[in-house]
Structures are given as C-alpha cells and as structure tokens.
PDB file of all heavy atoms in Angstrom:
ATOM      1  N   VAL A   1     -21.976  60.014  58.582  1.00  0.00           N
ATOM      2  CA  VAL A   1     -20.711  60.017  59.332  1.00  0.00           C
ATOM      3  C   VAL A   1     -20.847  59.155  60.578  1.00  0.00           C
ATOM      4  O   VAL A   1     -19.990  58.313  60.861  1.00  0.00           O
ATOM      5  CB  VAL A   1     -20.300  61.462  59.699  1.00  0.00           C
ATOM      6  CG1 VAL A   1     -19.169  61.481  60.715  1.00  0.00           C
ATOM      7  CG2 VAL A   1     -19.909  62.230  58.448  1.00  0.00           C
ATOM      8  N   GLN A   2     -21.926  59.339  61.307  1.00  0.00           N
ATOM      9  CA  GLN A   2     -22.138  58.561  62.521  1.00  0.00           C
ATOM     10  C   GLN A   2     -22.201  57.060  62.209  1.00  0.00           C
ATOM     11  O   GLN A   2     -21.599  56.248  62.904  1.00  0.00           O
ATOM     12  CB  GLN A   2     -23.433  59.013  63.207  1.00  0.00           C
ATOM     13  CG  GLN A   2     -23.660  58.392  64.559  1.00  0.00           C
ATOM     14  CD  GLN A   2     -24.986  58.812  65.161  1.00  0.00           C
ATOM     15  OE1 GLN A   2     -26.016  58.785  64.503  1.00  0.00           O
ATOM     16  NE2 GLN A   2     -24.953  59.202  66.429  1.00  0.00           N
ATOM     17  N   TYR A   3     -22.890  56.704  61.149  1.00  0.00           N
ATOM     18  CA  TYR A   3     -23.038  55.300  60.750  1.00  0.00           C
ATOM     19  C   TYR A   3     -21.688  54.692  60.368  1.00  0.00           C
ATOM     20  O   TYR A   3     -21.348  53.584  60.782  1.00  0.00           O
ATOM     21  CB  TYR A   3     -24.021  55.204  59.580  1.00  0.00           C
ATOM     22  CG  TYR A   3     -24.327  53.799  59.141  1.00  0.00           C
ATOM     23  CD1 TYR A   3     -25.239  53.012  59.829  1.00  0.00           C
ATOM     24  CD2 TYR A   3     -23.698  53.257  58.016  1.00  0.00           C
ATOM     25  CE1 TYR A   3     -25.524  51.716  59.414  1.00  0.00           C
ATOM     26  CE2 TYR A   3     -23.977  51.959  57.600  1.00  0.00           C
ATOM     27  CZ  TYR A   3     -24.884  51.192  58.307  1.00  0.00           C
ATOM     28  OH  TYR A   3     -25.155  49.908  57.893  1.00  0.00           O
ATOM     29  N   ALA A   4     -20.894  55.419  59.578  1.00  0.00           N
ATOM     30  CA  ALA A   4     -19.588  54.917  59.136  1.00  0.00           C
ATOM     31  C   ALA A   4     -18.638  54.730  60.324  1.00  0.00           C
ATOM     32  O   ALA A   4     -17.949  53.710  60.429  1.00  0.00           O
ATOM     33  CB  ALA A   4     -18.973  55.868  58.108  1.00  0.00           C
ATOM     34  N   TYR A   5     -18.607  55.684  61.225  1.00  0.00           N
ATOM     35  CA  TYR A   5     -17.727  55.576  62.391  1.00  0.00           C
ATOM     36  C   TYR A   5     -18.200  54.487  63.346  1.00  0.00           C
ATOM     37  O   TYR A   5     -17.389  53.807  63.972  1.00  0.00           O
ATOM     38  CB  TYR A   5     -17.598  56.923  63.108  1.00  0.00           C
ATOM     39  CG  TYR A   5     -16.470  57.761  62.563  1.00  0.00           C
ATOM     40  CD1 TYR A   5     -16.613  58.487  61.384  1.00  0.00           C
ATOM     41  CD2 TYR A   5     -15.247  57.816  63.211  1.00  0.00           C
ATOM     42  CE1 TYR A   5     -15.582  59.240  60.875  1.00  0.00           C
ATOM     43  CE2 TYR A   5     -14.201  58.561  62.715  1.00  0.00           C
ATOM     44  CZ  TYR A   5     -14.370  59.273  61.547  1.00  0.00           C
ATOM     45  OH  TYR A   5     -13.333  60.002  61.038  1.00  0.00           O
ATOM     46  N   LYS A   6     -19.509  54.317  63.452  1.00  0.00           N
ATOM     47  CA  LYS A   6     -20.053  53.279  64.329  1.00  0.00           C
ATOM     48  C   LYS A   6     -19.599  51.893  63.866  1.00  0.00           C
ATOM     49  O   LYS A   6     -19.376  51.009  64.679  1.00  0.00           O
ATOM     50  CB  LYS A   6     -21.582  53.352  64.344  1.00  0.00           C
ATOM     51  CG  LYS A   6     -22.227  52.434  65.343  1.00  0.00           C
ATOM     52  CD  LYS A   6     -23.734  52.617  65.349  1.00  0.00           C
ATOM     53  CE  LYS A   6     -24.381  51.707  66.360  1.00  0.00           C
ATOM     54  NZ  LYS A   6     -25.841  51.857  66.349  1.00  0.00           N
ATOM     55  N   SER A   7     -19.424  51.717  62.555  1.00  0.00           N
ATOM     56  CA  SER A   7     -18.969  50.424  62.033  1.00  0.00           C
ATOM     57  C   SER A   7     -17.571  50.068  62.530  1.00  0.00           C
ATOM     58  O   SER A   7     -17.182  48.912  62.524  1.00  0.00           O
ATOM     59  CB  SER A   7     -18.991  50.428  60.501  1.00  0.00           C
ATOM     60  OG  SER A   7     -17.935  51.215  59.987  1.00  0.00           O
ATOM     61  N   ALA A   8     -16.818  51.079  62.957  1.00  0.00           N
ATOM     62  CA  ALA A   8     -15.476  50.857  63.507  1.00  0.00           C
ATOM     63  C   ALA A   8     -15.487  50.998  65.038  1.00  0.00           C
ATOM     64  O   ALA A   8     -14.449  51.231  65.649  1.00  0.00           O
ATOM     65  CB  ALA A   8     -14.496  51.849  62.894  1.00  0.00           C
ATOM     66  N   ASN A   9     -16.684  50.885  65.622  1.00  0.00           N
ATOM     67  CA  ASN A   9     -16.862  50.980  67.081  1.00  0.00           C
ATOM     68  C   ASN A   9     -16.451  52.325  67.656  1.00  0.00           C
ATOM     69  O   ASN A   9     -15.924  52.405  68.771  1.00  0.00           O
ATOM     70  CB  ASN A   9     -16.133  49.847  67.810  1.00  0.00           C
ATOM     71  CG  ASN A   9     -16.729  48.509  67.500  1.00  0.00           C
ATOM     72  OD1 ASN A   9     -17.944  48.362  67.401  1.00  0.00           O
ATOM     73  ND2 ASN A   9     -15.873  47.520  67.313  1.00  0.00           N
ATOM     74  N   ILE A  10     -16.678  53.399  66.897  1.00  0.00           N
ATOM     75  CA  ILE A  10     -16.405  54.751  67.381  1.00  0.00           C
ATOM     76  C   ILE A  10     -17.737  55.472  67.458  1.00  0.00           C
ATOM     77  O   ILE A  10     -18.429  55.616  66.447  1.00  0.00           O
ATOM     78  CB  ILE A  10     -15.431  55.500  66.450  1.00  0.00           C
ATOM     79  CG1 ILE A  10     -14.088  54.770  66.403  1.00  0.00           C
ATOM     80  CG2 ILE A  10     -15.258  56.937  66.914  1.00  0.00           C
ATOM     81  CD1 ILE A  10     -13.130  55.314  65.380  1.00  0.00           C
ATOM     82  N   LYS A  11     -18.083  55.909  68.648  1.00  0.00           N
ATOM     83  CA  LYS A  11     -19.357  56.605  68.838  1.00  0.00           C
ATOM     84  C   LYS A  11     -19.169  58.097  68.614  1.00  0.00           C
ATOM     85  O   LYS A  11     -18.251  58.702  69.168  1.00  0.00           O
ATOM     86  CB  LYS A  11     -19.898  56.366  70.244  1.00  0.00           C
ATOM     87  CG  LYS A  11     -20.344  54.949  70.466  1.00  0.00           C
ATOM     88  CD  LYS A  11     -20.934  54.768  71.838  1.00  0.00           C
ATOM     89  CE  LYS A  11     -21.350  53.321  72.014  1.00  0.00           C
ATOM     90  NZ  LYS A  11     -21.970  53.067  73.292  1.00  0.00           N
ATOM     91  N   LEU A  12     -20.040  58.648  67.784  1.00  0.00           N
ATOM     92  CA  LEU A  12     -20.048  60.083  67.533  1.00  0.00           C
ATOM     93  C   LEU A  12     -21.427  60.635  67.849  1.00  0.00           C
ATOM     94  O   LEU A  12     -22.425  59.933  67.700  1.00  0.00           O
ATOM     95  CB  LEU A  12     -19.734  60.371  66.063  1.00  0.00           C
ATOM     96  CG  LEU A  12     -18.293  60.270  65.613  1.00  0.00           C
ATOM     97  CD1 LEU A  12     -18.167  60.553  64.128  1.00  0.00           C
ATOM     98  CD2 LEU A  12     -17.423  61.243  66.381  1.00  0.00           C
ATOM     99  N   PRO A  13     -21.508  61.901  68.233  1.00  0.00           N
ATOM    100  CA  PRO A  13     -22.815  62.514  68.427  1.00  0.00           C
ATOM    101  C   PRO A  13     -23.581  62.592  67.101  1.00  0.00           C
ATOM    102  O   PRO A  13     -23.028  62.330  66.036  1.00  0.00           O
ATOM    103  CB  PRO A  13     -22.494  63.916  68.945  1.00  0.00           C
ATOM    104  CG  PRO A  13     -21.044  63.961  69.189  1.00  0.00           C
ATOM    105  CD  PRO A  13     -20.410  62.799  68.531  1.00  0.00           C
ATOM    106  N   ARG A  14     -24.835  63.003  67.153  1.00  0.00           N
ATOM    107  CA  ARG A  14     -25.715  62.913  65.998  1.00  0.00           C
ATOM    108  C   ARG A  14     -25.581  64.057  64.995  1.00  0.00           C
ATOM    109  O   ARG A  14     -25.643  63.845  63.803  1.00  0.00           O
ATOM    110  CB  ARG A  14     -27.173  62.801  66.493  1.00  0.00           C
ATOM    111  CG  ARG A  14     -28.192  62.678  65.401  1.00  0.00           C
ATOM    112  CD  ARG A  14     -27.926  61.439  64.540  1.00  0.00           C
ATOM    113  NE  ARG A  14     -28.841  61.377  63.420  1.00  0.00           N
ATOM    114  CZ  ARG A  14     -28.620  61.927  62.230  1.00  0.00           C
ATOM    115  NH1 ARG A  14     -27.520  62.593  61.994  1.00  0.00           N
ATOM    116  NH2 ARG A  14     -29.496  61.817  61.263  1.00  0.00           N
ATOM    117  N   THR A  15     -25.420  65.294  65.426  1.00  0.00           N
ATOM    118  CA  THR A  15     -25.445  66.413  64.475  1.00  0.00           C
ATOM    119  C   THR A  15     -24.037  66.829  64.057  1.00  0.00           C
ATOM    120  O   THR A  15     -23.061  66.550  64.751  1.00  0.00           O
ATOM    121  CB  THR A  15     -26.159  67.639  65.075  1.00  0.00           C
ATOM    122  OG1 THR A  15     -25.346  68.176  66.130  1.00  0.00           O
ATOM    123  CG2 THR A  15     -27.551  67.283  65.596  1.00  0.00           C
ATOM    124  N   ALA A  16     -23.970  67.532  62.923  1.00  0.00           N
ATOM    125  CA  ALA A  16     -22.672  68.013  62.420  1.00  0.00           C
ATOM    126  C   ALA A  16     -22.005  68.935  63.436  1.00  0.00           C
ATOM    127  O   ALA A  16     -20.797  68.833  63.670  1.00  0.00           O
ATOM    128  CB  ALA A  16     -22.853  68.722  61.081  1.00  0.00           C
ATOM    129  N   ALA A  17     -22.767  69.820  64.050  1.00  0.00           N
ATOM    130  CA  ALA A  17     -22.196  70.749  65.037  1.00  0.00           C
ATOM    131  C   ALA A  17     -21.647  69.995  66.243  1.00  0.00           C
ATOM    132  O   ALA A  17     -20.565  70.307  66.748  1.00  0.00           O
ATOM    133  CB  ALA A  17     -23.242  71.769  65.468  1.00  0.00           C
ATOM    134  N   GLN A  18     -22.383  68.982  66.713  1.00  0.00           N
ATOM    135  CA  GLN A  18     -21.901  68.193  67.855  1.00  0.00           C
ATOM    136  C   GLN A  18     -20.660  67.390  67.473  1.00  0.00           C
ATOM    137  O   GLN A  18     -19.731  67.247  68.269  1.00  0.00           O
ATOM    138  CB  GLN A  18     -23.005  67.240  68.334  1.00  0.00           C
ATOM    139  CG  GLN A  18     -24.176  67.931  68.986  1.00  0.00           C
ATOM    140  CD  GLN A  18     -25.358  66.993  69.187  1.00  0.00           C
ATOM    141  OE1 GLN A  18     -25.516  65.987  68.488  1.00  0.00           O
ATOM    142  NE2 GLN A  18     -26.216  67.326  70.137  1.00  0.00           N
ATOM    143  N   GLN A  19     -20.640  66.878  66.253  1.00  0.00           N
ATOM    144  CA  GLN A  19     -19.470  66.133  65.788  1.00  0.00           C
ATOM    145  C   GLN A  19     -18.254  67.049  65.703  1.00  0.00           C
ATOM    146  O   GLN A  19     -17.144  66.653  66.050  1.00  0.00           O
ATOM    147  CB  GLN A  19     -19.772  65.473  64.438  1.00  0.00           C
ATOM    148  CG  GLN A  19     -20.771  64.345  64.543  1.00  0.00           C
ATOM    149  CD  GLN A  19     -21.237  63.814  63.203  1.00  0.00           C
ATOM    150  OE1 GLN A  19     -20.864  64.303  62.139  1.00  0.00           O
ATOM    151  NE2 GLN A  19     -22.085  62.786  63.244  1.00  0.00           N
ATOM    152  N   TYR A  20     -18.478  68.278  65.275  1.00  0.00           N
ATOM    153  CA  TYR A  20     -17.390  69.260  65.202  1.00  0.00           C
ATOM    154  C   TYR A  20     -16.786  69.479  66.591  1.00  0.00           C
ATOM    155  O   TYR A  20     -15.572  69.481  66.759  1.00  0.00           O
ATOM    156  CB  TYR A  20     -17.924  70.575  64.639  1.00  0.00           C
ATOM    157  CG  TYR A  20     -16.894  71.675  64.529  1.00  0.00           C
ATOM    158  CD1 TYR A  20     -15.968  71.677  63.481  1.00  0.00           C
ATOM    159  CD2 TYR A  20     -16.847  72.719  65.441  1.00  0.00           C
ATOM    160  CE1 TYR A  20     -15.031  72.688  63.357  1.00  0.00           C
ATOM    161  CE2 TYR A  20     -15.918  73.730  65.329  1.00  0.00           C
ATOM    162  CZ  TYR A  20     -15.008  73.709  64.288  1.00  0.00           C
ATOM    163  OH  TYR A  20     -14.079  74.711  64.177  1.00  0.00           O
ATOM    164  N   ARG A  21     -17.660  69.643  67.575  1.00  0.00           N
ATOM    165  CA  ARG A  21     -17.187  69.890  68.946  1.00  0.00           C
ATOM    166  C   ARG A  21     -16.479  68.683  69.545  1.00  0.00           C
ATOM    167  O   ARG A  21     -15.666  68.823  70.450  1.00  0.00           O
ATOM    168  CB  ARG A  21     -18.349  70.324  69.832  1.00  0.00           C
ATOM    169  CG  ARG A  21     -18.820  71.742  69.555  1.00  0.00           C
ATOM    170  CD  ARG A  21     -19.783  72.243  70.610  1.00  0.00           C
ATOM    171  NE  ARG A  21     -21.037  71.513  70.646  1.00  0.00           N
ATOM    172  CZ  ARG A  21     -22.114  71.803  69.916  1.00  0.00           C
ATOM    173  NH1 ARG A  21     -22.066  72.818  69.068  1.00  0.00           N
ATOM    174  NH2 ARG A  21     -23.214  71.096  70.029  1.00  0.00           N
ATOM    175  N   SER A  22     -16.771  67.482  69.050  1.00  0.00           N
ATOM    176  CA  SER A  22     -16.170  66.283  69.645  1.00  0.00           C
ATOM    177  C   SER A  22     -14.896  65.834  68.924  1.00  0.00           C
ATOM    178  O   SER A  22     -14.351  64.788  69.243  1.00  0.00           O
ATOM    179  CB  SER A  22     -17.186  65.142  69.675  1.00  0.00           C
ATOM    180  OG  SER A  22     -17.442  64.680  68.376  1.00  0.00           O
ATOM    181  N   THR A  23     -14.436  66.612  67.949  1.00  0.00           N
ATOM    182  CA  THR A  23     -13.211  66.247  67.231  1.00  0.00           C
ATOM    183  C   THR A  23     -12.084  67.222  67.545  1.00  0.00           C
ATOM    184  O   THR A  23     -12.327  68.333  67.989  1.00  0.00           O
ATOM    185  CB  THR A  23     -13.437  66.221  65.698  1.00  0.00           C
ATOM    186  OG1 THR A  23     -13.871  67.512  65.268  1.00  0.00           O
ATOM    187  CG2 THR A  23     -14.456  65.172  65.311  1.00  0.00           C
ATOM    188  N   LYS A  24     -10.872  66.768  67.274  1.00  0.00           N
ATOM    189  CA  LYS A  24      -9.684  67.602  67.470  1.00  0.00           C
ATOM    190  C   LYS A  24      -9.473  68.439  66.208  1.00  0.00           C
ATOM    191  O   LYS A  24      -9.484  67.904  65.092  1.00  0.00           O
ATOM    192  CB  LYS A  24      -8.476  66.696  67.713  1.00  0.00           C
ATOM    193  CG  LYS A  24      -7.186  67.422  67.863  1.00  0.00           C
ATOM    194  CD  LYS A  24      -6.041  66.441  67.988  1.00  0.00           C
ATOM    195  CE  LYS A  24      -4.725  67.175  67.909  1.00  0.00           C
ATOM    196  NZ  LYS A  24      -3.618  66.280  67.675  1.00  0.00           N
ATOM    197  N   ARG A  25      -9.299  69.735  66.354  1.00  0.00           N
ATOM    198  CA  ARG A  25      -9.075  70.628  65.207  1.00  0.00           C
ATOM    199  C   ARG A  25      -7.755  70.304  64.518  1.00  0.00           C
ATOM    200  O   ARG A  25      -6.743  70.109  65.190  1.00  0.00           O
ATOM    201  CB  ARG A  25      -8.967  72.090  65.648  1.00  0.00           C
ATOM    202  CG  ARG A  25     -10.136  72.841  66.105  1.00  0.00           C
ATOM    203  CD  ARG A  25     -11.355  72.844  65.228  1.00  0.00           C
ATOM    204  NE  ARG A  25     -12.379  72.121  65.939  1.00  0.00           N
ATOM    205  CZ  ARG A  25     -12.888  70.954  65.598  1.00  0.00           C
ATOM    206  NH1 ARG A  25     -12.556  70.360  64.514  1.00  0.00           N
ATOM    207  NH2 ARG A  25     -13.781  70.354  66.320  1.00  0.00           N
ATOM    208  N   ILE A  26      -7.796  70.264  63.205  1.00  0.00           N
ATOM    209  CA  ILE A  26      -6.578  70.085  62.418  1.00  0.00           C
ATOM    210  C   ILE A  26      -6.632  71.047  61.233  1.00  0.00           C
ATOM    211  O   ILE A  26      -7.717  71.352  60.747  1.00  0.00           O
ATOM    212  CB  ILE A  26      -6.413  68.630  61.905  1.00  0.00           C
ATOM    213  CG1 ILE A  26      -7.646  68.180  61.121  1.00  0.00           C
ATOM    214  CG2 ILE A  26      -6.098  67.683  63.029  1.00  0.00           C
ATOM    215  CD1 ILE A  26      -7.450  66.892  60.370  1.00  0.00           C
ATOM    216  N   PRO A  27      -5.484  71.519  60.773  1.00  0.00           N
ATOM    217  CA  PRO A  27      -5.496  72.395  59.602  1.00  0.00           C
ATOM    218  C   PRO A  27      -5.843  71.590  58.342  1.00  0.00           C
ATOM    219  O   PRO A  27      -5.555  70.398  58.257  1.00  0.00           O
ATOM    220  CB  PRO A  27      -4.068  72.941  59.537  1.00  0.00           C
ATOM    221  CG  PRO A  27      -3.250  72.094  60.439  1.00  0.00           C
ATOM    222  CD  PRO A  27      -4.160  71.362  61.356  1.00  0.00           C
ATOM    223  N   MET A  28      -6.457  72.253  57.382  1.00  0.00           N
ATOM    224  CA  MET A  28      -6.848  71.591  56.139  1.00  0.00           C
ATOM    225  C   MET A  28      -5.628  70.997  55.426  1.00  0.00           C
ATOM    226  O   MET A  28      -5.733  69.993  54.745  1.00  0.00           O
ATOM    227  CB  MET A  28      -7.564  72.576  55.210  1.00  0.00           C
ATOM    228  CG  MET A  28      -8.930  73.006  55.709  1.00  0.00           C
ATOM    229  SD  MET A  28     -10.118  71.668  55.747  1.00  0.00           S
ATOM    230  CE  MET A  28     -10.457  71.473  54.013  1.00  0.00           C
ATOM    231  N   SER A  29      -4.471  71.600  55.612  1.00  0.00           N
ATOM    232  CA  SER A  29      -3.254  71.100  54.968  1.00  0.00           C
ATOM    233  C   SER A  29      -2.801  69.758  55.549  1.00  0.00           C
ATOM    234  O   SER A  29      -1.977  69.076  54.966  1.00  0.00           O
ATOM    235  CB  SER A  29      -2.133  72.128  55.102  1.00  0.00           C
ATOM    236  OG  SER A  29      -1.862  72.367  56.474  1.00  0.00           O
ATOM    237  N   ARG A  30      -3.338  69.378  56.709  1.00  0.00           N
ATOM    238  CA  ARG A  30      -2.957  68.127  57.374  1.00  0.00           C
ATOM    239  C   ARG A  30      -4.030  67.044  57.274  1.00  0.00           C
ATOM    240  O   ARG A  30      -3.965  66.049  57.985  1.00  0.00           O
ATOM    241  CB  ARG A  30      -2.678  68.397  58.858  1.00  0.00           C
ATOM    242  CG  ARG A  30      -1.568  69.369  59.115  1.00  0.00           C
ATOM    243  CD  ARG A  30      -0.311  68.631  59.295  1.00  0.00           C
ATOM    244  NE  ARG A  30       0.791  69.556  59.477  1.00  0.00           N
ATOM    245  CZ  ARG A  30       1.843  69.263  60.172  1.00  0.00           C
ATOM    246  NH1 ARG A  30       1.936  68.106  60.753  1.00  0.00           N
ATOM    247  NH2 ARG A  30       2.821  70.121  60.268  1.00  0.00           N
ATOM    248  N   LEU A  31      -5.014  67.224  56.408  1.00  0.00           N
ATOM    249  CA  LEU A  31      -6.092  66.243  56.278  1.00  0.00           C
ATOM    250  C   LEU A  31      -5.551  64.871  55.899  1.00  0.00           C
ATOM    251  O   LEU A  31      -4.678  64.754  55.044  1.00  0.00           O
ATOM    252  CB  LEU A  31      -7.072  66.680  55.189  1.00  0.00           C
ATOM    253  CG  LEU A  31      -8.184  67.632  55.586  1.00  0.00           C
ATOM    254  CD1 LEU A  31      -8.968  68.055  54.360  1.00  0.00           C
ATOM    255  CD2 LEU A  31      -9.108  67.014  56.608  1.00  0.00           C
ATOM    256  N   LYS A  32      -6.097  63.844  56.568  1.00  0.00           N
ATOM    257  CA  LYS A  32      -5.793  62.451  56.226  1.00  0.00           C
ATOM    258  C   LYS A  32      -7.113  61.767  55.915  1.00  0.00           C
ATOM    259  O   LYS A  32      -8.173  62.206  56.367  1.00  0.00           O
ATOM    260  CB  LYS A  32      -5.126  61.738  57.399  1.00  0.00           C
ATOM    261  CG  LYS A  32      -3.743  62.222  57.718  1.00  0.00           C
ATOM    262  CD  LYS A  32      -3.163  61.405  58.850  1.00  0.00           C
ATOM    263  CE  LYS A  32      -1.757  61.855  59.194  1.00  0.00           C
ATOM    264  NZ  LYS A  32      -1.220  61.124  60.334  1.00  0.00           N
ATOM    265  N   THR A  33      -7.045  60.673  55.189  1.00  0.00           N
ATOM    266  CA  THR A  33      -8.270  59.950  54.895  1.00  0.00           C
ATOM    267  C   THR A  33      -8.946  59.544  56.200  1.00  0.00           C
ATOM    268  O   THR A  33      -8.279  59.133  57.149  1.00  0.00           O
ATOM    269  CB  THR A  33      -8.002  58.700  54.030  1.00  0.00           C
ATOM    270  OG1 THR A  33      -7.053  57.879  54.696  1.00  0.00           O
ATOM    271  CG2 THR A  33      -7.486  59.066  52.670  1.00  0.00           C
ATOM    272  N   GLY A  34     -10.255  59.706  56.234  1.00  0.00           N
ATOM    273  CA  GLY A  34     -11.020  59.399  57.428  1.00  0.00           C
ATOM    274  C   GLY A  34     -11.289  60.599  58.314  1.00  0.00           C
ATOM    275  O   GLY A  34     -12.136  60.538  59.203  1.00  0.00           O
ATOM    276  N   ASP A  35     -10.578  61.710  58.097  1.00  0.00           N
ATOM    277  CA  ASP A  35     -10.846  62.926  58.866  1.00  0.00           C
ATOM    278  C   ASP A  35     -12.186  63.516  58.423  1.00  0.00           C
ATOM    279  O   ASP A  35     -12.676  63.226  57.329  1.00  0.00           O
ATOM    280  CB  ASP A  35      -9.744  63.966  58.650  1.00  0.00           C
ATOM    281  CG  ASP A  35      -8.436  63.587  59.328  1.00  0.00           C
ATOM    282  OD1 ASP A  35      -8.466  62.754  60.259  1.00  0.00           O
ATOM    283  OD2 ASP A  35      -7.382  64.122  58.930  1.00  0.00           O
ATOM    284  N   LEU A  36     -12.744  64.358  59.263  1.00  0.00           N
ATOM    285  CA  LEU A  36     -14.024  64.984  58.963  1.00  0.00           C
ATOM    286  C   LEU A  36     -13.816  66.431  58.523  1.00  0.00           C
ATOM    287  O   LEU A  36     -12.964  67.134  59.062  1.00  0.00           O
ATOM    288  CB  LEU A  36     -14.937  64.941  60.187  1.00  0.00           C
ATOM    289  CG  LEU A  36     -15.242  63.540  60.732  1.00  0.00           C
ATOM    290  CD1 LEU A  36     -16.133  63.627  61.964  1.00  0.00           C
ATOM    291  CD2 LEU A  36     -15.888  62.680  59.671  1.00  0.00           C
ATOM    292  N   ILE A  37     -14.615  66.846  57.544  1.00  0.00           N
ATOM    293  CA  ILE A  37     -14.577  68.229  57.069  1.00  0.00           C
ATOM    294  C   ILE A  37     -15.947  68.830  57.359  1.00  0.00           C
ATOM    295  O   ILE A  37     -16.977  68.249  57.015  1.00  0.00           O
ATOM    296  CB  ILE A  37     -14.288  68.312  55.562  1.00  0.00           C
ATOM    297  CG1 ILE A  37     -13.039  67.518  55.213  1.00  0.00           C
ATOM    298  CG2 ILE A  37     -14.129  69.760  55.135  1.00  0.00           C
ATOM    299  CD1 ILE A  37     -12.807  67.382  53.724  1.00  0.00           C
ATOM    300  N   PHE A  38     -15.945  70.011  57.971  1.00  0.00           N
ATOM    301  CA  PHE A  38     -17.181  70.658  58.383  1.00  0.00           C
ATOM    302  C   PHE A  38     -17.425  71.921  57.564  1.00  0.00           C
ATOM    303  O   PHE A  38     -16.496  72.664  57.266  1.00  0.00           O
ATOM    304  CB  PHE A  38     -17.112  70.991  59.873  1.00  0.00           C
ATOM    305  CG  PHE A  38     -16.958  69.762  60.731  1.00  0.00           C
ATOM    306  CD1 PHE A  38     -15.703  69.309  61.111  1.00  0.00           C
ATOM    307  CD2 PHE A  38     -18.069  69.046  61.137  1.00  0.00           C
ATOM    308  CE1 PHE A  38     -15.560  68.180  61.888  1.00  0.00           C
ATOM    309  CE2 PHE A  38     -17.935  67.902  61.913  1.00  0.00           C
ATOM    310  CZ  PHE A  38     -16.687  67.473  62.286  1.00  0.00           C
ATOM    311  N   PHE A  39     -18.704  72.143  57.246  1.00  0.00           N
ATOM    312  CA  PHE A  39     -19.083  73.240  56.356  1.00  0.00           C
ATOM    313  C   PHE A  39     -20.247  74.033  56.933  1.00  0.00           C
ATOM    314  O   PHE A  39     -21.020  73.530  57.749  1.00  0.00           O
ATOM    315  CB  PHE A  39     -19.555  72.675  55.006  1.00  0.00           C
ATOM    316  CG  PHE A  39     -18.579  71.777  54.321  1.00  0.00           C
ATOM    317  CD1 PHE A  39     -18.589  70.409  54.557  1.00  0.00           C
ATOM    318  CD2 PHE A  39     -17.655  72.280  53.420  1.00  0.00           C
ATOM    319  CE1 PHE A  39     -17.705  69.565  53.916  1.00  0.00           C
ATOM    320  CE2 PHE A  39     -16.763  71.445  52.773  1.00  0.00           C
ATOM    321  CZ  PHE A  39     -16.787  70.084  53.016  1.00  0.00           C
ATOM    322  N   LYS A  40     -20.375  75.254  56.435  1.00  0.00           N
ATOM    323  CA  LYS A  40     -21.602  76.037  56.611  1.00  0.00           C
ATOM    324  C   LYS A  40     -22.113  76.276  55.200  1.00  0.00           C
ATOM    325  O   LYS A  40     -21.544  77.052  54.438  1.00  0.00           O
ATOM    326  CB  LYS A  40     -21.353  77.353  57.318  1.00  0.00           C
ATOM    327  CG  LYS A  40     -22.649  78.131  57.496  1.00  0.00           C
ATOM    328  CD  LYS A  40     -22.506  79.335  58.374  1.00  0.00           C
ATOM    329  CE  LYS A  40     -23.882  79.968  58.531  1.00  0.00           C
ATOM    330  NZ  LYS A  40     -23.891  80.990  59.530  1.00  0.00           N
ATOM    331  N   THR A  41     -23.203  75.581  54.855  1.00  0.00           N
ATOM    332  CA  THR A  41     -23.703  75.620  53.474  1.00  0.00           C
ATOM    333  C   THR A  41     -24.920  76.511  53.303  1.00  0.00           C
ATOM    334  O   THR A  41     -25.254  76.866  52.182  1.00  0.00           O
ATOM    335  CB  THR A  41     -24.078  74.197  53.007  1.00  0.00           C
ATOM    336  OG1 THR A  41     -25.079  73.670  53.879  1.00  0.00           O
ATOM    337  CG2 THR A  41     -22.862  73.298  52.987  1.00  0.00           C
TER     338      THR A  41
END
C-alpha cells in the first residue's frame, strides 16, 4: 500500500494500523477504487 501510494506522491505511514489512523473513515457501502480496506486476520 505504501509503495503504490508513494508512486502518486502520497506519503503513508508504514504499518496497517498507522495507515488506518491516517485515513478518513468511510462506510463499506461507499468504497471507491483506491480506498483502503483494513482487517484483523
């Protein structure tokens, strides 16, 4: 995720948890291409 976003000049933190905290919450029903989905696996 960090690598893909960096290609568009968008800096993201390194871990999934940090990336979660740095994004705006959206409902799953409003997902658009390019949005991030976070899991507990």
